[in-house]
Amino acid sequence: MDTEEETLEDILNSILASMPEVKSAAVVSNEGLPIASVLPSDTDEAKISAITAAIMTLAELATQEFGKGIFEQVFVRGQNGYVFTMAVGKTAVLTISTTKNINLGLIFIETKRSCDKIAKYLMGEGLYYENS
């Protein structure tokens, strides 16, 4: 499927389909507003969006304070799996939840590819901008 024909939900579903260890995915604005998601039915999209924005804000502060440049990604490891949050340009973030059995190398490759597709989609919708 060509990126222009894909919806954000298609891109998110593709992540879940390509790696069964991925259990949910969401695209969230930097302000914490949900843009698109594929979440379990018992998951509160607004809460996930707010948590994602908080993670991103803290990660941005940490990268600035430690002199590590612009925030790109953060991952949190819990007893039962991971939460990955990655910047999609300057206007949105992708967050995904996985089981503990995820192959970290593969998920970093897949999420980078997906972030690029999401950025192209958001550009077409006028919801994305690059650094000037």
C-alpha atoms as a PDB file:
ATOM      1  CA  MET A   1       0.000   0.000   0.000  1.00  0.00           C
ATOM      2  CA  ASP A   2       1.356   3.445  -0.896  1.00  0.00           C
ATOM      3  CA  THR A   3       1.759   5.956   1.945  1.00  0.00           C
ATOM      4  CA  GLU A   4      -0.652   8.436   0.281  1.00  0.00           C
ATOM      5  CA  GLU A   5      -3.378   5.776   0.393  1.00  0.00           C
ATOM      6  CA  GLU A   6      -2.694   4.691   3.955  1.00  0.00           C
ATOM      7  CA  THR A   7      -4.497   6.191   6.911  1.00  0.00           C
ATOM      8  CA  LEU A   8      -2.793   6.639  10.261  1.00  0.00           C
ATOM      9  CA  GLU A   9      -4.788   3.677  11.542  1.00  0.00           C
ATOM     10  CA  ASP A  10      -3.405   1.589   8.648  1.00  0.00           C
ATOM     11  CA  ILE A  11       0.139   2.539   9.625  1.00  0.00           C
ATOM     12  CA  LEU A  12      -0.512   1.706  13.283  1.00  0.00           C
ATOM     13  CA  ASN A  13      -2.212  -1.584  12.406  1.00  0.00           C
ATOM     14  CA  SER A  14       0.801  -2.434  10.236  1.00  0.00           C
ATOM     15  CA  ILE A  15       3.069  -2.114  13.277  1.00  0.00           C
ATOM     16  CA  LEU A  16       0.854  -4.476  15.259  1.00  0.00           C
ATOM     17  CA  ALA A  17       0.592  -6.934  12.352  1.00  0.00           C
ATOM     18  CA  SER A  18       4.344  -7.022  11.693  1.00  0.00           C
ATOM     19  CA  MET A  19       5.296  -7.677  15.317  1.00  0.00           C
ATOM     20  CA  PRO A  20       2.851  -9.672  17.465  1.00  0.00           C
ATOM     21  CA  GLU A  21       4.647  -8.463  20.612  1.00  0.00           C
ATOM     22  CA  VAL A  22       3.296  -4.944  19.931  1.00  0.00           C
ATOM     23  CA  LYS A  23      -0.023  -4.644  21.741  1.00  0.00           C
ATOM     24  CA  SER A  24      -1.024  -1.019  21.120  1.00  0.00           C
ATOM     25  CA  ALA A  25       0.023   2.102  19.259  1.00  0.00           C
ATOM     26  CA  ALA A  26      -1.025   5.746  19.258  1.00  0.00           C
ATOM     27  CA  VAL A  27      -0.110   8.987  17.546  1.00  0.00           C
ATOM     28  CA  VAL A  28      -0.470  11.953  19.878  1.00  0.00           C
ATOM     29  CA  SER A  29       0.037  15.681  19.403  1.00  0.00           C
ATOM     30  CA  ASN A  30       2.722  17.366  21.485  1.00  0.00           C
ATOM     31  CA  GLU A  31      -0.111  18.969  23.465  1.00  0.00           C
ATOM     32  CA  GLY A  32      -1.414  15.528  24.466  1.00  0.00           C
ATOM     33  CA  LEU A  33      -4.357  15.339  22.067  1.00  0.00           C
ATOM     34  CA  PRO A  34      -5.081  11.966  20.457  1.00  0.00           C
ATOM     35  CA  ILE A  35      -4.611  11.944  16.672  1.00  0.00           C
ATOM     36  CA  ALA A  36      -5.001   8.208  15.936  1.00  0.00           C
ATOM     37  CA  SER A  37      -4.735   5.008  17.919  1.00  0.00           C
ATOM     38  CA  VAL A  38      -5.065   1.251  17.916  1.00  0.00           C
ATOM     39  CA  LEU A  39      -5.645   0.430  21.570  1.00  0.00           C
ATOM     40  CA  PRO A  40      -7.302  -2.391  23.504  1.00  0.00           C
ATOM     41  CA  SER A  41     -10.997  -1.680  24.090  1.00  0.00           C
ATOM     42  CA  ASP A  42     -10.488  -1.204  27.842  1.00  0.00           C
ATOM     43  CA  THR A  43      -7.822   1.496  27.331  1.00  0.00           C
ATOM     44  CA  ASP A  44      -8.628   5.188  27.789  1.00  0.00           C
ATOM     45  CA  GLU A  45      -7.275   7.006  24.714  1.00  0.00           C
ATOM     46  CA  ALA A  46      -7.316  10.403  26.447  1.00  0.00           C
ATOM     47  CA  LYS A  47      -5.309   9.062  29.394  1.00  0.00           C
ATOM     48  CA  ILE A  48      -2.753   7.379  27.116  1.00  0.00           C
ATOM     49  CA  SER A  49      -2.426  10.640  25.162  1.00  0.00           C
ATOM     50  CA  ALA A  50      -1.837  12.670  28.324  1.00  0.00           C
ATOM     51  CA  ILE A  51       0.728  10.175  29.637  1.00  0.00           C
ATOM     52  CA  THR A  52       2.501  10.182  26.268  1.00  0.00           C
ATOM     53  CA  ALA A  53       2.729  13.982  26.267  1.00  0.00           C
ATOM     54  CA  ALA A  54       4.089  13.931  29.827  1.00  0.00           C
ATOM     55  CA  ILE A  55       6.740  11.338  28.903  1.00  0.00           C
ATOM     56  CA  MET A  56       7.741  13.418  25.887  1.00  0.00           C
ATOM     57  CA  THR A  57       7.939  16.640  27.911  1.00  0.00           C
ATOM     58  CA  LEU A  58      10.179  15.051  30.551  1.00  0.00           C
ATOM     59  CA  ALA A  59      12.352  13.413  27.898  1.00  0.00           C
ATOM     60  CA  GLU A  60      12.756  16.762  26.113  1.00  0.00           C
ATOM     61  CA  LEU A  61      13.823  18.413  29.382  1.00  0.00           C
ATOM     62  CA  ALA A  62      16.265  15.602  30.145  1.00  0.00           C
ATOM     63  CA  THR A  63      17.904  15.722  26.709  1.00  0.00           C
ATOM     64  CA  GLN A  64      18.243  19.509  26.968  1.00  0.00           C
ATOM     65  CA  GLU A  65      19.627  19.508  30.514  1.00  0.00           C
ATOM     66  CA  PHE A  66      22.147  16.777  29.759  1.00  0.00           C
ATOM     67  CA  GLY A  67      23.146  18.422  26.477  1.00  0.00           C
ATOM     68  CA  LYS A  68      21.983  15.513  24.314  1.00  0.00           C
ATOM     69  CA  GLY A  69      20.281  17.560  21.605  1.00  0.00           C
ATOM     70  CA  ILE A  70      16.724  17.262  20.398  1.00  0.00           C
ATOM     71  CA  PHE A  71      14.500  14.528  21.853  1.00  0.00           C
ATOM     72  CA  GLU A  72      14.137  11.529  19.535  1.00  0.00           C
ATOM     73  CA  GLN A  73      12.910   8.621  21.628  1.00  0.00           C
ATOM     74  CA  VAL A  74      12.524   7.182  25.077  1.00  0.00           C
ATOM     75  CA  PHE A  75      11.646   3.714  26.210  1.00  0.00           C
ATOM     76  CA  VAL A  76      10.458   2.486  29.556  1.00  0.00           C
ATOM     77  CA  ARG A  77      10.938  -1.108  30.637  1.00  0.00           C
ATOM     78  CA  GLY A  78       8.476  -2.608  33.057  1.00  0.00           C
ATOM     79  CA  GLN A  79       8.214  -6.105  34.475  1.00  0.00           C
ATOM     80  CA  ASN A  80       5.761  -7.131  31.735  1.00  0.00           C
ATOM     81  CA  GLY A  81       7.029  -5.178  28.742  1.00  0.00           C
ATOM     82  CA  TYR A  82       8.015  -1.847  27.252  1.00  0.00           C
ATOM     83  CA  VAL A  83       6.536   1.516  26.362  1.00  0.00           C
ATOM     84  CA  PHE A  84       8.303   3.308  23.495  1.00  0.00           C
ATOM     85  CA  THR A  85       7.719   6.984  22.712  1.00  0.00           C
ATOM     86  CA  MET A  86       9.287   8.478  19.577  1.00  0.00           C
ATOM     87  CA  ALA A  87       9.180  11.978  18.124  1.00  0.00           C
ATOM     88  CA  VAL A  88       7.377  12.408  14.811  1.00  0.00           C
ATOM     89  CA  GLY A  89       8.848  15.730  13.750  1.00  0.00           C
ATOM     90  CA  LYS A  90       8.038  18.658  16.013  1.00  0.00           C
ATOM     91  CA  THR A  91       4.282  18.223  16.246  1.00  0.00           C
ATOM     92  CA  ALA A  92       3.523  14.638  17.266  1.00  0.00           C
ATOM     93  CA  VAL A  93       4.795  11.496  18.936  1.00  0.00           C
ATOM     94  CA  LEU A  94       4.257   7.797  18.391  1.00  0.00           C
ATOM     95  CA  THR A  95       3.844   5.653  21.470  1.00  0.00           C
ATOM     96  CA  ILE A  96       3.632   1.876  21.501  1.00  0.00           C
ATOM     97  CA  SER A  97       3.272  -0.796  24.143  1.00  0.00           C
ATOM     98  CA  THR A  98       4.909  -4.211  23.796  1.00  0.00           C
ATOM     99  CA  THR A  99       5.383  -7.452  25.656  1.00  0.00           C
ATOM    100  CA  LYS A 100       8.699  -8.165  27.368  1.00  0.00           C
ATOM    101  CA  ASN A 101       9.697 -10.563  24.568  1.00  0.00           C
ATOM    102  CA  ILE A 102      10.116  -7.860  21.917  1.00  0.00           C
ATOM    103  CA  ASN A 103      13.304  -7.806  19.846  1.00  0.00           C
ATOM    104  CA  LEU A 104      14.629  -4.323  20.638  1.00  0.00           C
ATOM    105  CA  GLY A 105      16.646  -3.984  17.432  1.00  0.00           C
ATOM    106  CA  LEU A 106      13.668  -4.857  15.259  1.00  0.00           C
ATOM    107  CA  ILE A 107      11.269  -2.582  17.113  1.00  0.00           C
ATOM    108  CA  PHE A 108      13.645   0.376  16.752  1.00  0.00           C
ATOM    109  CA  ILE A 109      13.861  -0.261  12.985  1.00  0.00           C
ATOM    110  CA  GLU A 110      10.080  -0.726  12.641  1.00  0.00           C
ATOM    111  CA  THR A 111       9.196   2.358  14.673  1.00  0.00           C
ATOM    112  CA  LYS A 112      11.681   4.534  12.763  1.00  0.00           C
ATOM    113  CA  ARG A 113      10.092   3.407   9.501  1.00  0.00           C
ATOM    114  CA  SER A 114       6.626   4.014  10.912  1.00  0.00           C
ATOM    115  CA  CYS A 115       7.542   7.480  12.221  1.00  0.00           C
ATOM    116  CA  ASP A 116       8.722   8.420   8.721  1.00  0.00           C
ATOM    117  CA  LYS A 117       5.382   7.249   7.240  1.00  0.00           C
ATOM    118  CA  ILE A 118       3.406   9.084   9.923  1.00  0.00           C
ATOM    119  CA  ALA A 119       5.379  12.295   9.313  1.00  0.00           C
ATOM    120  CA  LYS A 120       4.620  12.096   5.567  1.00  0.00           C
ATOM    121  CA  TYR A 121       0.945  11.522   6.306  1.00  0.00           C
ATOM    122  CA  LEU A 122       0.771  14.446   8.740  1.00  0.00           C
ATOM    123  CA  MET A 123       2.553  16.702   6.229  1.00  0.00           C
ATOM    124  CA  GLY A 124      -0.157  15.910   3.682  1.00  0.00           C
ATOM    125  CA  GLU A 125      -2.812  16.782   6.255  1.00  0.00           C
ATOM    126  CA  GLY A 126      -1.100  20.049   7.195  1.00  0.00           C
ATOM    127  CA  LEU A 127      -0.489  18.796  10.750  1.00  0.00           C
ATOM    128  CA  TYR A 128       3.288  18.591  10.612  1.00  0.00           C
ATOM    129  CA  TYR A 129       6.192  20.947  10.205  1.00  0.00           C
ATOM    130  CA  GLU A 130       9.962  20.497  10.055  1.00  0.00           C
ATOM    131  CA  ASN A 131      12.619  22.476  11.872  1.00  0.00           C
ATOM    132  CA  SER A 132      13.286  25.741  10.079  1.00  0.00           C
END
